Amino acid sequence: MGRYQSIISAIISAICIFVVPYLNRKGIIIDETAVTSIVASAVAFIAFVWSCWKNHNITDNALYAQQVLNELRSGVDAEEELFEGEEDDDRESDIQ
């Protein structure tokens, strides 16, 4: 189990061990499996939103554009100048 999975599992366990019995004694009846399902669903939703927000460079052109962007952000001059008429085959050979 990874670090984040262990942390999430510990939080769910702590809620089920401490919070649910406390609420049950106060008259609010909550099932542990329902709490586990709700927390797991919330974590899954957050992971989904984060993965949609994160930049995914799947195509060769996207990878090339990300490399150029990283060079521009770091202040290093790009090795080649990009021209509007440049063909995709030239870019792919530079990436590989």
PDB file of N, CA and C in Angstrom:
ATOM      1  N   MET A   1       0.857  -1.170   0.000  1.00  0.00           N
ATOM      2  CA  MET A   1       0.000   0.000   0.000  1.00  0.00           C
ATOM      3  C   MET A   1       0.901   1.231   0.000  1.00  0.00           C
ATOM      4  N   GLY A   2       0.542   2.206  -0.809  1.00  0.00           N
ATOM      5  CA  GLY A   2       1.324   3.426  -0.915  1.00  0.00           C
ATOM      6  C   GLY A   2       1.131   4.331   0.296  1.00  0.00           C
ATOM      7  N   ARG A   3       1.928   5.366   0.335  1.00  0.00           N
ATOM      8  CA  ARG A   3       1.900   6.298   1.468  1.00  0.00           C
ATOM      9  C   ARG A   3       0.535   6.961   1.610  1.00  0.00           C
ATOM     10  N   TYR A   4       0.008   7.487   0.500  1.00  0.00           N
ATOM     11  CA  TYR A   4      -1.271   8.191   0.568  1.00  0.00           C
ATOM     12  C   TYR A   4      -2.427   7.232   0.848  1.00  0.00           C
ATOM     13  N   GLN A   5      -2.344   6.027   0.304  1.00  0.00           N
ATOM     14  CA  GLN A   5      -3.378   5.036   0.584  1.00  0.00           C
ATOM     15  C   GLN A   5      -3.382   4.673   2.066  1.00  0.00           C
ATOM     16  N   SER A   6      -2.210   4.578   2.663  1.00  0.00           N
ATOM     17  CA  SER A   6      -2.116   4.274   4.091  1.00  0.00           C
ATOM     18  C   SER A   6      -2.696   5.403   4.933  1.00  0.00           C
ATOM     19  N   ILE A   7      -2.431   6.642   4.532  1.00  0.00           N
ATOM     20  CA  ILE A   7      -2.959   7.788   5.275  1.00  0.00           C
ATOM     21  C   ILE A   7      -4.477   7.822   5.194  1.00  0.00           C
ATOM     22  N   ILE A   8      -5.017   7.595   3.998  1.00  0.00           N
ATOM     23  CA  ILE A   8      -6.471   7.592   3.824  1.00  0.00           C
ATOM     24  C   ILE A   8      -7.097   6.461   4.620  1.00  0.00           C
ATOM     25  N   SER A   9      -6.483   5.290   4.589  1.00  0.00           N
ATOM     26  CA  SER A   9      -6.999   4.150   5.355  1.00  0.00           C
ATOM     27  C   SER A   9      -6.979   4.443   6.849  1.00  0.00           C
ATOM     28  N   ALA A  10      -5.929   5.099   7.328  1.00  0.00           N
ATOM     29  CA  ALA A  10      -5.847   5.452   8.753  1.00  0.00           C
ATOM     30  C   ALA A  10      -6.925   6.455   9.136  1.00  0.00           C
ATOM     31  N   ILE A  11      -7.204   7.410   8.266  1.00  0.00           N
ATOM     32  CA  ILE A  11      -8.253   8.402   8.554  1.00  0.00           C
ATOM     33  C   ILE A  11      -9.622   7.732   8.617  1.00  0.00           C
ATOM     34  N   ILE A  12      -9.891   6.849   7.650  1.00  0.00           N
ATOM     35  CA  ILE A  12     -11.175   6.138   7.656  1.00  0.00           C
ATOM     36  C   ILE A  12     -11.305   5.286   8.909  1.00  0.00           C
ATOM     37  N   SER A  13     -10.233   4.598   9.279  1.00  0.00           N
ATOM     38  CA  SER A  13     -10.266   3.767  10.494  1.00  0.00           C
ATOM     39  C   SER A  13     -10.495   4.617  11.741  1.00  0.00           C
ATOM     40  N   ALA A  14      -9.828   5.759  11.813  1.00  0.00           N
ATOM     41  CA  ALA A  14      -9.995   6.632  12.978  1.00  0.00           C
ATOM     42  C   ALA A  14     -11.429   7.134  13.082  1.00  0.00           C
ATOM     43  N   ILE A  15     -12.022   7.480  11.947  1.00  0.00           N
ATOM     44  CA  ILE A  15     -13.414   7.927  11.970  1.00  0.00           C
ATOM     45  C   ILE A  15     -14.326   6.811  12.453  1.00  0.00           C
ATOM     46  N   CYS A  16     -14.098   5.602  11.940  1.00  0.00           N
ATOM     47  CA  CYS A  16     -14.949   4.475  12.323  1.00  0.00           C
ATOM     48  C   CYS A  16     -14.732   4.059  13.781  1.00  0.00           C
ATOM     49  N   ILE A  17     -13.524   4.236  14.294  1.00  0.00           N
ATOM     50  CA  ILE A  17     -13.242   3.807  15.672  1.00  0.00           C
ATOM     51  C   ILE A  17     -13.653   4.855  16.695  1.00  0.00           C
ATOM     52  N   PHE A  18     -13.438   6.137  16.412  1.00  0.00           N
ATOM     53  CA  PHE A  18     -13.675   7.172  17.412  1.00  0.00           C
ATOM     54  C   PHE A  18     -14.954   7.985  17.189  1.00  0.00           C
ATOM     55  N   VAL A  19     -15.175   8.439  15.983  1.00  0.00           N
ATOM     56  CA  VAL A  19     -16.277   9.363  15.725  1.00  0.00           C
ATOM     57  C   VAL A  19     -17.625   8.652  15.709  1.00  0.00           C
ATOM     58  N   VAL A  20     -17.714   7.534  15.009  1.00  0.00           N
ATOM     59  CA  VAL A  20     -18.999   6.836  14.880  1.00  0.00           C
ATOM     60  C   VAL A  20     -19.526   6.364  16.240  1.00  0.00           C
ATOM     61  N   PRO A  21     -18.722   5.717  17.089  1.00  0.00           N
ATOM     62  CA  PRO A  21     -19.260   5.332  18.409  1.00  0.00           C
ATOM     63  C   PRO A  21     -19.682   6.540  19.267  1.00  0.00           C
ATOM     64  N   TYR A  22     -18.930   7.642  19.164  1.00  0.00           N
ATOM     65  CA  TYR A  22     -19.296   8.849  19.903  1.00  0.00           C
ATOM     66  C   TYR A  22     -20.668   9.352  19.451  1.00  0.00           C
ATOM     67  N   LEU A  23     -20.859   9.420  18.139  1.00  0.00           N
ATOM     68  CA  LEU A  23     -22.147   9.872  17.615  1.00  0.00           C
ATOM     69  C   LEU A  23     -23.266   8.896  17.974  1.00  0.00           C
ATOM     70  N   ASN A  24     -22.965   7.600  17.982  1.00  0.00           N
ATOM     71  CA  ASN A  24     -23.975   6.606  18.357  1.00  0.00           C
ATOM     72  C   ASN A  24     -24.414   6.783  19.813  1.00  0.00           C
ATOM     73  N   ARG A  25     -23.484   7.120  20.689  1.00  0.00           N
ATOM     74  CA  ARG A  25     -23.839   7.352  22.099  1.00  0.00           C
ATOM     75  C   ARG A  25     -24.680   8.605  22.268  1.00  0.00           C
ATOM     76  N   LYS A  26     -24.495   9.581  21.380  1.00  0.00           N
ATOM     77  CA  LYS A  26     -25.267  10.824  21.451  1.00  0.00           C
ATOM     78  C   LYS A  26     -26.637  10.702  20.797  1.00  0.00           C
ATOM     79  N   GLY A  27     -26.941   9.534  20.233  1.00  0.00           N
ATOM     80  CA  GLY A  27     -28.252   9.313  19.651  1.00  0.00           C
ATOM     81  C   GLY A  27     -28.295   9.396  18.140  1.00  0.00           C
ATOM     82  N   ILE A  28     -27.179   9.685  17.519  1.00  0.00           N
ATOM     83  CA  ILE A  28     -27.116   9.720  16.057  1.00  0.00           C
ATOM     84  C   ILE A  28     -26.557   8.376  15.596  1.00  0.00           C
ATOM     85  N   ILE A  29     -27.432   7.535  15.059  1.00  0.00           N
ATOM     86  CA  ILE A  29     -27.033   6.183  14.675  1.00  0.00           C
ATOM     87  C   ILE A  29     -26.469   6.218  13.249  1.00  0.00           C
ATOM     88  N   ILE A  30     -25.193   5.841  13.135  1.00  0.00           N
ATOM     89  CA  ILE A  30     -24.504   5.802  11.846  1.00  0.00           C
ATOM     90  C   ILE A  30     -23.800   4.450  11.736  1.00  0.00           C
ATOM     91  N   ASP A  31     -23.934   3.840  10.593  1.00  0.00           N
ATOM     92  CA  ASP A  31     -23.281   2.555  10.335  1.00  0.00           C
ATOM     93  C   ASP A  31     -21.849   2.791   9.858  1.00  0.00           C
ATOM     94  N   GLU A  32     -20.908   1.960  10.323  1.00  0.00           N
ATOM     95  CA  GLU A  32     -19.504   2.121   9.938  1.00  0.00           C
ATOM     96  C   GLU A  32     -19.298   1.930   8.441  1.00  0.00           C
ATOM     97  N   THR A  33     -20.045   1.013   7.840  1.00  0.00           N
ATOM     98  CA  THR A  33     -19.878   0.776   6.404  1.00  0.00           C
ATOM     99  C   THR A  33     -20.357   1.985   5.592  1.00  0.00           C
ATOM    100  N   ALA A  34     -21.388   2.663   6.085  1.00  0.00           N
ATOM    101  CA  ALA A  34     -21.863   3.864   5.398  1.00  0.00           C
ATOM    102  C   ALA A  34     -20.805   4.965   5.461  1.00  0.00           C
ATOM    103  N   VAL A  35     -20.175   5.126   6.607  1.00  0.00           N
ATOM    104  CA  VAL A  35     -19.118   6.135   6.763  1.00  0.00           C
ATOM    105  C   VAL A  35     -17.952   5.808   5.840  1.00  0.00           C
ATOM    106  N   THR A  36     -17.568   4.535   5.806  1.00  0.00           N
ATOM    107  CA  THR A  36     -16.469   4.118   4.937  1.00  0.00           C
ATOM    108  C   THR A  36     -16.806   4.398   3.476  1.00  0.00           C
ATOM    109  N   SER A  37     -18.025   4.100   3.076  1.00  0.00           N
ATOM    110  CA  SER A  37     -18.443   4.341   1.694  1.00  0.00           C
ATOM    111  C   SER A  37     -18.453   5.834   1.362  1.00  0.00           C
ATOM    112  N   ILE A  38     -18.933   6.652   2.276  1.00  0.00           N
ATOM    113  CA  ILE A  38     -18.993   8.099   2.043  1.00  0.00           C
ATOM    114  C   ILE A  38     -17.593   8.687   1.929  1.00  0.00           C
ATOM    115  N   VAL A  39     -16.709   8.322   2.846  1.00  0.00           N
ATOM    116  CA  VAL A  39     -15.341   8.855   2.818  1.00  0.00           C
ATOM    117  C   VAL A  39     -14.605   8.360   1.575  1.00  0.00           C
ATOM    118  N   ALA A  40     -14.770   7.088   1.236  1.00  0.00           N
ATOM    119  CA  ALA A  40     -14.109   6.550   0.042  1.00  0.00           C
ATOM    120  C   ALA A  40     -14.637   7.235  -1.218  1.00  0.00           C
ATOM    121  N   SER A  41     -15.925   7.515  -1.266  1.00  0.00           N
ATOM    122  CA  SER A  41     -16.494   8.214  -2.415  1.00  0.00           C
ATOM    123  C   SER A  41     -15.960   9.636  -2.513  1.00  0.00           C
ATOM    124  N   ALA A  42     -15.821  10.307  -1.383  1.00  0.00           N
ATOM    125  CA  ALA A  42     -15.276  11.672  -1.379  1.00  0.00           C
ATOM    126  C   ALA A  42     -13.829  11.672  -1.856  1.00  0.00           C
ATOM    127  N   VAL A  43     -13.042  10.716  -1.408  1.00  0.00           N
ATOM    128  CA  VAL A  43     -11.649  10.617  -1.838  1.00  0.00           C
ATOM    129  C   VAL A  43     -11.578  10.315  -3.332  1.00  0.00           C
ATOM    130  N   ALA A  44     -12.442   9.435  -3.819  1.00  0.00           N
ATOM    131  CA  ALA A  44     -12.464   9.107  -5.245  1.00  0.00           C
ATOM    132  C   ALA A  44     -12.846  10.328  -6.073  1.00  0.00           C
ATOM    133  N   PHE A  45     -13.787  11.113  -5.593  1.00  0.00           N
ATOM    134  CA  PHE A  45     -14.194  12.327  -6.309  1.00  0.00           C
ATOM    135  C   PHE A  45     -13.047  13.334  -6.361  1.00  0.00           C
ATOM    136  N   ILE A  46     -12.367  13.514  -5.253  1.00  0.00           N
ATOM    137  CA  ILE A  46     -11.222  14.432  -5.217  1.00  0.00           C
ATOM    138  C   ILE A  46     -10.123  13.950  -6.161  1.00  0.00           C
ATOM    139  N   ALA A  47      -9.852  12.639  -6.182  1.00  0.00           N
ATOM    140  CA  ALA A  47      -8.844  12.092  -7.092  1.00  0.00           C
ATOM    141  C   ALA A  47      -9.253  12.292  -8.546  1.00  0.00           C
ATOM    142  N   PHE A  48     -10.545  12.142  -8.831  1.00  0.00           N
ATOM    143  CA  PHE A  48     -11.048  12.351 -10.188  1.00  0.00           C
ATOM    144  C   PHE A  48     -10.854  13.800 -10.619  1.00  0.00           C
ATOM    145  N   VAL A  49     -11.217  14.737  -9.765  1.00  0.00           N
ATOM    146  CA  VAL A  49     -11.076  16.152 -10.102  1.00  0.00           C
ATOM    147  C   VAL A  49      -9.608  16.510 -10.297  1.00  0.00           C
ATOM    148  N   TRP A  50      -8.747  16.006  -9.428  1.00  0.00           N
ATOM    149  CA  TRP A  50      -7.319  16.286  -9.537  1.00  0.00           C
ATOM    150  C   TRP A  50      -6.752  15.716 -10.836  1.00  0.00           C
ATOM    151  N   SER A  51      -7.154  14.499 -11.201  1.00  0.00           N
ATOM    152  CA  SER A  51      -6.617  13.898 -12.418  1.00  0.00           C
ATOM    153  C   SER A  51      -7.122  14.610 -13.671  1.00  0.00           C
ATOM    154  N   CYS A  52      -8.315  15.169 -13.624  1.00  0.00           N
ATOM    155  CA  CYS A  52      -8.814  15.943 -14.768  1.00  0.00           C
ATOM    156  C   CYS A  52      -8.099  17.286 -14.869  1.00  0.00           C
ATOM    157  N   TRP A  53      -7.725  17.856 -13.731  1.00  0.00           N
ATOM    158  CA  TRP A  53      -7.074  19.159 -13.704  1.00  0.00           C
ATOM    159  C   TRP A  53      -5.612  19.065 -14.127  1.00  0.00           C
ATOM    160  N   LYS A  54      -4.974  17.952 -13.785  1.00  0.00           N
ATOM    161  CA  LYS A  54      -3.547  17.781 -14.049  1.00  0.00           C
ATOM    162  C   LYS A  54      -3.285  17.728 -15.548  1.00  0.00           C
ATOM    163  N   ASN A  55      -2.150  18.249 -15.957  1.00  0.00           N
ATOM    164  CA  ASN A  55      -1.769  18.289 -17.358  1.00  0.00           C
ATOM    165  C   ASN A  55      -1.342  16.902 -17.818  1.00  0.00           C
ATOM    166  N   HIS A  56      -1.990  16.391 -18.860  1.00  0.00           N
ATOM    167  CA  HIS A  56      -1.640  15.089 -19.421  1.00  0.00           C
ATOM    168  C   HIS A  56      -1.146  15.299 -20.847  1.00  0.00           C
ATOM    169  N   ASN A  57       0.126  15.038 -21.069  1.00  0.00           N
ATOM    170  CA  ASN A  57       0.717  15.174 -22.401  1.00  0.00           C
ATOM    171  C   ASN A  57       0.797  13.780 -23.021  1.00  0.00           C
ATOM    172  N   ILE A  58      -0.184  13.466 -23.840  1.00  0.00           N
ATOM    173  CA  ILE A  58      -0.276  12.122 -24.398  1.00  0.00           C
ATOM    174  C   ILE A  58       0.344  12.057 -25.793  1.00  0.00           C
ATOM    175  N   THR A  59       0.037  12.990 -26.650  1.00  0.00           N
ATOM    176  CA  THR A  59       0.538  12.953 -28.019  1.00  0.00           C
ATOM    177  C   THR A  59       1.963  13.494 -28.089  1.00  0.00           C
ATOM    178  N   ASP A  60       2.639  13.168 -29.194  1.00  0.00           N
ATOM    179  CA  ASP A  60       4.008  13.648 -29.393  1.00  0.00           C
ATOM    180  C   ASP A  60       4.060  15.173 -29.459  1.00  0.00           C
ATOM    181  N   ASN A  61       3.081  15.768 -30.117  1.00  0.00           N
ATOM    182  CA  ASN A  61       3.047  17.234 -30.211  1.00  0.00           C
ATOM    183  C   ASN A  61       2.844  17.871 -28.843  1.00  0.00           C
ATOM    184  N   ALA A  62       2.022  17.253 -28.008  1.00  0.00           N
ATOM    185  CA  ALA A  62       1.800  17.783 -26.665  1.00  0.00           C
ATOM    186  C   ALA A  62       3.069  17.668 -25.825  1.00  0.00           C
ATOM    187  N   LEU A  63       3.784  16.567 -25.964  1.00  0.00           N
ATOM    188  CA  LEU A  63       5.049  16.403 -25.239  1.00  0.00           C
ATOM    189  C   LEU A  63       6.071  17.446 -25.689  1.00  0.00           C
ATOM    190  N   TYR A  64       6.130  17.674 -26.997  1.00  0.00           N
ATOM    191  CA  TYR A  64       7.048  18.671 -27.536  1.00  0.00           C
ATOM    192  C   TYR A  64       6.696  20.072 -27.025  1.00  0.00           C
ATOM    193  N   ALA A  65       5.421  20.387 -27.044  1.00  0.00           N
ATOM    194  CA  ALA A  65       4.982  21.697 -26.561  1.00  0.00           C
ATOM    195  C   ALA A  65       5.300  21.867 -25.080  1.00  0.00           C
ATOM    196  N   GLN A  66       5.160  20.805 -24.298  1.00  0.00           N
ATOM    197  CA  GLN A  66       5.477  20.883 -22.871  1.00  0.00           C
ATOM    198  C   GLN A  66       6.967  21.107 -22.662  1.00  0.00           C
ATOM    199  N   GLN A  67       7.808  20.470 -23.491  1.00  0.00           N
ATOM    200  CA  GLN A  67       9.250  20.683 -23.380  1.00  0.00           C
ATOM    201  C   GLN A  67       9.613  22.132 -23.682  1.00  0.00           C
ATOM    202  N   VAL A  68       9.005  22.684 -24.720  1.00  0.00           N
ATOM    203  CA  VAL A  68       9.263  24.084 -25.065  1.00  0.00           C
ATOM    204  C   VAL A  68       8.793  24.995 -23.940  1.00  0.00           C
ATOM    205  N   LEU A  69       7.617  24.716 -23.399  1.00  0.00           N
ATOM    206  CA  LEU A  69       7.086  25.518 -22.298  1.00  0.00           C
ATOM    207  C   LEU A  69       7.995  25.450 -21.077  1.00  0.00           C
ATOM    208  N   ASN A  70       8.495  24.268 -20.760  1.00  0.00           N
ATOM    209  CA  ASN A  70       9.411  24.125 -19.624  1.00  0.00           C
ATOM    210  C   ASN A  70      10.693  24.916 -19.851  1.00  0.00           C
ATOM    211  N   GLU A  71      11.207  24.895 -21.095  1.00  0.00           N
ATOM    212  CA  GLU A  71      12.409  25.669 -21.400  1.00  0.00           C
ATOM    213  C   GLU A  71      12.147  27.165 -21.259  1.00  0.00           C
ATOM    214  N   LEU A  72      10.991  27.617 -21.718  1.00  0.00           N
ATOM    215  CA  LEU A  72      10.660  29.035 -21.606  1.00  0.00           C
ATOM    216  C   LEU A  72      10.501  29.458 -20.151  1.00  0.00           C
ATOM    217  N   ARG A  73       9.880  28.605 -19.346  1.00  0.00           N
ATOM    218  CA  ARG A  73       9.701  28.933 -17.930  1.00  0.00           C
ATOM    219  C   ARG A  73      11.016  28.955 -17.173  1.00  0.00           C
ATOM    220  N   SER A  74      11.944  28.087 -17.555  1.00  0.00           N
ATOM    221  CA  SER A  74      13.218  28.031 -16.843  1.00  0.00           C
ATOM    222  C   SER A  74      14.173  29.136 -17.282  1.00  0.00           C
ATOM    223  N   GLY A  75      13.811  29.850 -18.344  1.00  0.00           N
ATOM    224  CA  GLY A  75      14.649  30.939 -18.816  1.00  0.00           C
ATOM    225  C   GLY A  75      15.721  30.506 -19.788  1.00  0.00           C
ATOM    226  N   VAL A  76      15.776  29.229 -20.110  1.00  0.00           N
ATOM    227  CA  VAL A  76      16.756  28.726 -21.062  1.00  0.00           C
ATOM    228  C   VAL A  76      16.182  28.903 -22.458  1.00  0.00           C
ATOM    229  N   ASP A  77      17.024  29.370 -23.385  1.00  0.00           N
ATOM    230  CA  ASP A  77      16.560  29.550 -24.753  1.00  0.00           C
ATOM    231  C   ASP A  77      16.275  28.193 -25.381  1.00  0.00           C
ATOM    232  N   ALA A  78      15.208  28.131 -26.155  1.00  0.00           N
ATOM    233  CA  ALA A  78      14.869  26.908 -26.868  1.00  0.00           C
ATOM    234  C   ALA A  78      15.964  26.622 -27.888  1.00  0.00           C
ATOM    235  N   GLU A  79      16.241  25.336 -28.124  1.00  0.00           N
ATOM    236  CA  GLU A  79      17.311  24.967 -29.036  1.00  0.00           C
ATOM    237  C   GLU A  79      16.971  25.326 -30.478  1.00  0.00           C
ATOM    238  N   GLU A  80      15.697  25.246 -30.818  1.00  0.00           N
ATOM    239  CA  GLU A  80      15.302  25.608 -32.165  1.00  0.00           C
ATOM    240  C   GLU A  80      14.172  26.611 -32.109  1.00  0.00           C
ATOM    241  N   GLU A  81      14.079  27.380 -33.145  1.00  0.00           N
ATOM    242  CA  GLU A  81      12.963  28.306 -33.229  1.00  0.00           C
ATOM    243  C   GLU A  81      11.797  27.584 -33.874  1.00  0.00           C
ATOM    244  N   LEU A  82      10.615  27.903 -33.416  1.00  0.00           N
ATOM    245  CA  LEU A  82       9.431  27.288 -33.973  1.00  0.00           C
ATOM    246  C   LEU A  82       8.868  28.191 -35.052  1.00  0.00           C
ATOM    247  N   PHE A  83       8.628  27.620 -36.189  1.00  0.00           N
ATOM    248  CA  PHE A  83       8.023  28.351 -37.286  1.00  0.00           C
ATOM    249  C   PHE A  83       6.635  27.797 -37.512  1.00  0.00           C
ATOM    250  N   GLU A  84       5.761  28.641 -37.999  1.00  0.00           N
ATOM    251  CA  GLU A  84       4.393  28.214 -38.242  1.00  0.00           C
ATOM    252  C   GLU A  84       4.329  27.135 -39.311  1.00  0.00           C
ATOM    253  N   GLY A  85       5.219  27.132 -40.269  1.00  0.00           N
ATOM    254  CA  GLY A  85       5.188  26.173 -41.359  1.00  0.00           C
ATOM    255  C   GLY A  85       5.946  24.891 -41.084  1.00  0.00           C
ATOM    256  N   GLU A  86       6.455  24.710 -39.876  1.00  0.00           N
ATOM    257  CA  GLU A  86       7.240  23.525 -39.567  1.00  0.00           C
ATOM    258  C   GLU A  86       6.367  22.286 -39.599  1.00  0.00           C
ATOM    259  N   GLU A  87       6.896  21.218 -40.167  1.00  0.00           N
ATOM    260  CA  GLU A  87       6.112  19.991 -40.308  1.00  0.00           C
ATOM    261  C   GLU A  87       6.233  19.144 -39.049  1.00  0.00           C
ATOM    262  N   ASP A  88       5.221  18.295 -38.841  1.00  0.00           N
ATOM    263  CA  ASP A  88       5.187  17.439 -37.660  1.00  0.00           C
ATOM    264  C   ASP A  88       6.317  16.416 -37.655  1.00  0.00           C
ATOM    265  N   ASP A  89       6.753  15.942 -38.833  1.00  0.00           N
ATOM    266  CA  ASP A  89       7.806  14.942 -38.892  1.00  0.00           C
ATOM    267  C   ASP A  89       9.098  15.473 -38.297  1.00  0.00           C
ATOM    268  N   ASP A  90       9.408  16.756 -38.504  1.00  0.00           N
ATOM    269  CA  ASP A  90      10.612  17.343 -37.929  1.00  0.00           C
ATOM    270  C   ASP A  90      10.543  17.372 -36.424  1.00  0.00           C
ATOM    271  N   ARG A  91       9.387  17.687 -35.877  1.00  0.00           N
ATOM    272  CA  ARG A  91       9.220  17.727 -34.419  1.00  0.00           C
ATOM    273  C   ARG A  91       9.379  16.339 -33.818  1.00  0.00           C
ATOM    274  N   GLU A  92       8.795  15.335 -34.456  1.00  0.00           N
ATOM    275  CA  GLU A  92       8.860  13.986 -33.912  1.00  0.00           C
ATOM    276  C   GLU A  92      10.302  13.479 -33.901  1.00  0.00           C
ATOM    277  N   SER A  93      11.084  13.794 -34.912  1.00  0.00           N
ATOM    278  CA  SER A  93      12.478  13.343 -34.936  1.00  0.00           C
ATOM    279  C   SER A  93      13.283  14.057 -33.846  1.00  0.00           C
ATOM    280  N   ASP A  94      12.934  15.303 -33.514  1.00  0.00           N
ATOM    281  CA  ASP A  94      13.641  16.031 -32.464  1.00  0.00           C
ATOM    282  C   ASP A  94      13.303  15.472 -31.095  1.00  0.00           C
ATOM    283  N   ILE A  95      12.096  15.021 -30.905  1.00  0.00           N
ATOM    284  CA  ILE A  95      11.677  14.498 -29.601  1.00  0.00           C
ATOM    285  C   ILE A  95      12.375  13.182 -29.314  1.00  0.00           C
ATOM    286  N   GLN A  96      12.468  12.347 -30.299  1.00  0.00           N
ATOM    287  CA  GLN A  96      13.053  11.023 -30.090  1.00  0.00           C
ATOM    288  C   GLN A  96      14.531  11.154 -30.075  1.00  0.00           C
TER     289      GLN A  96
END
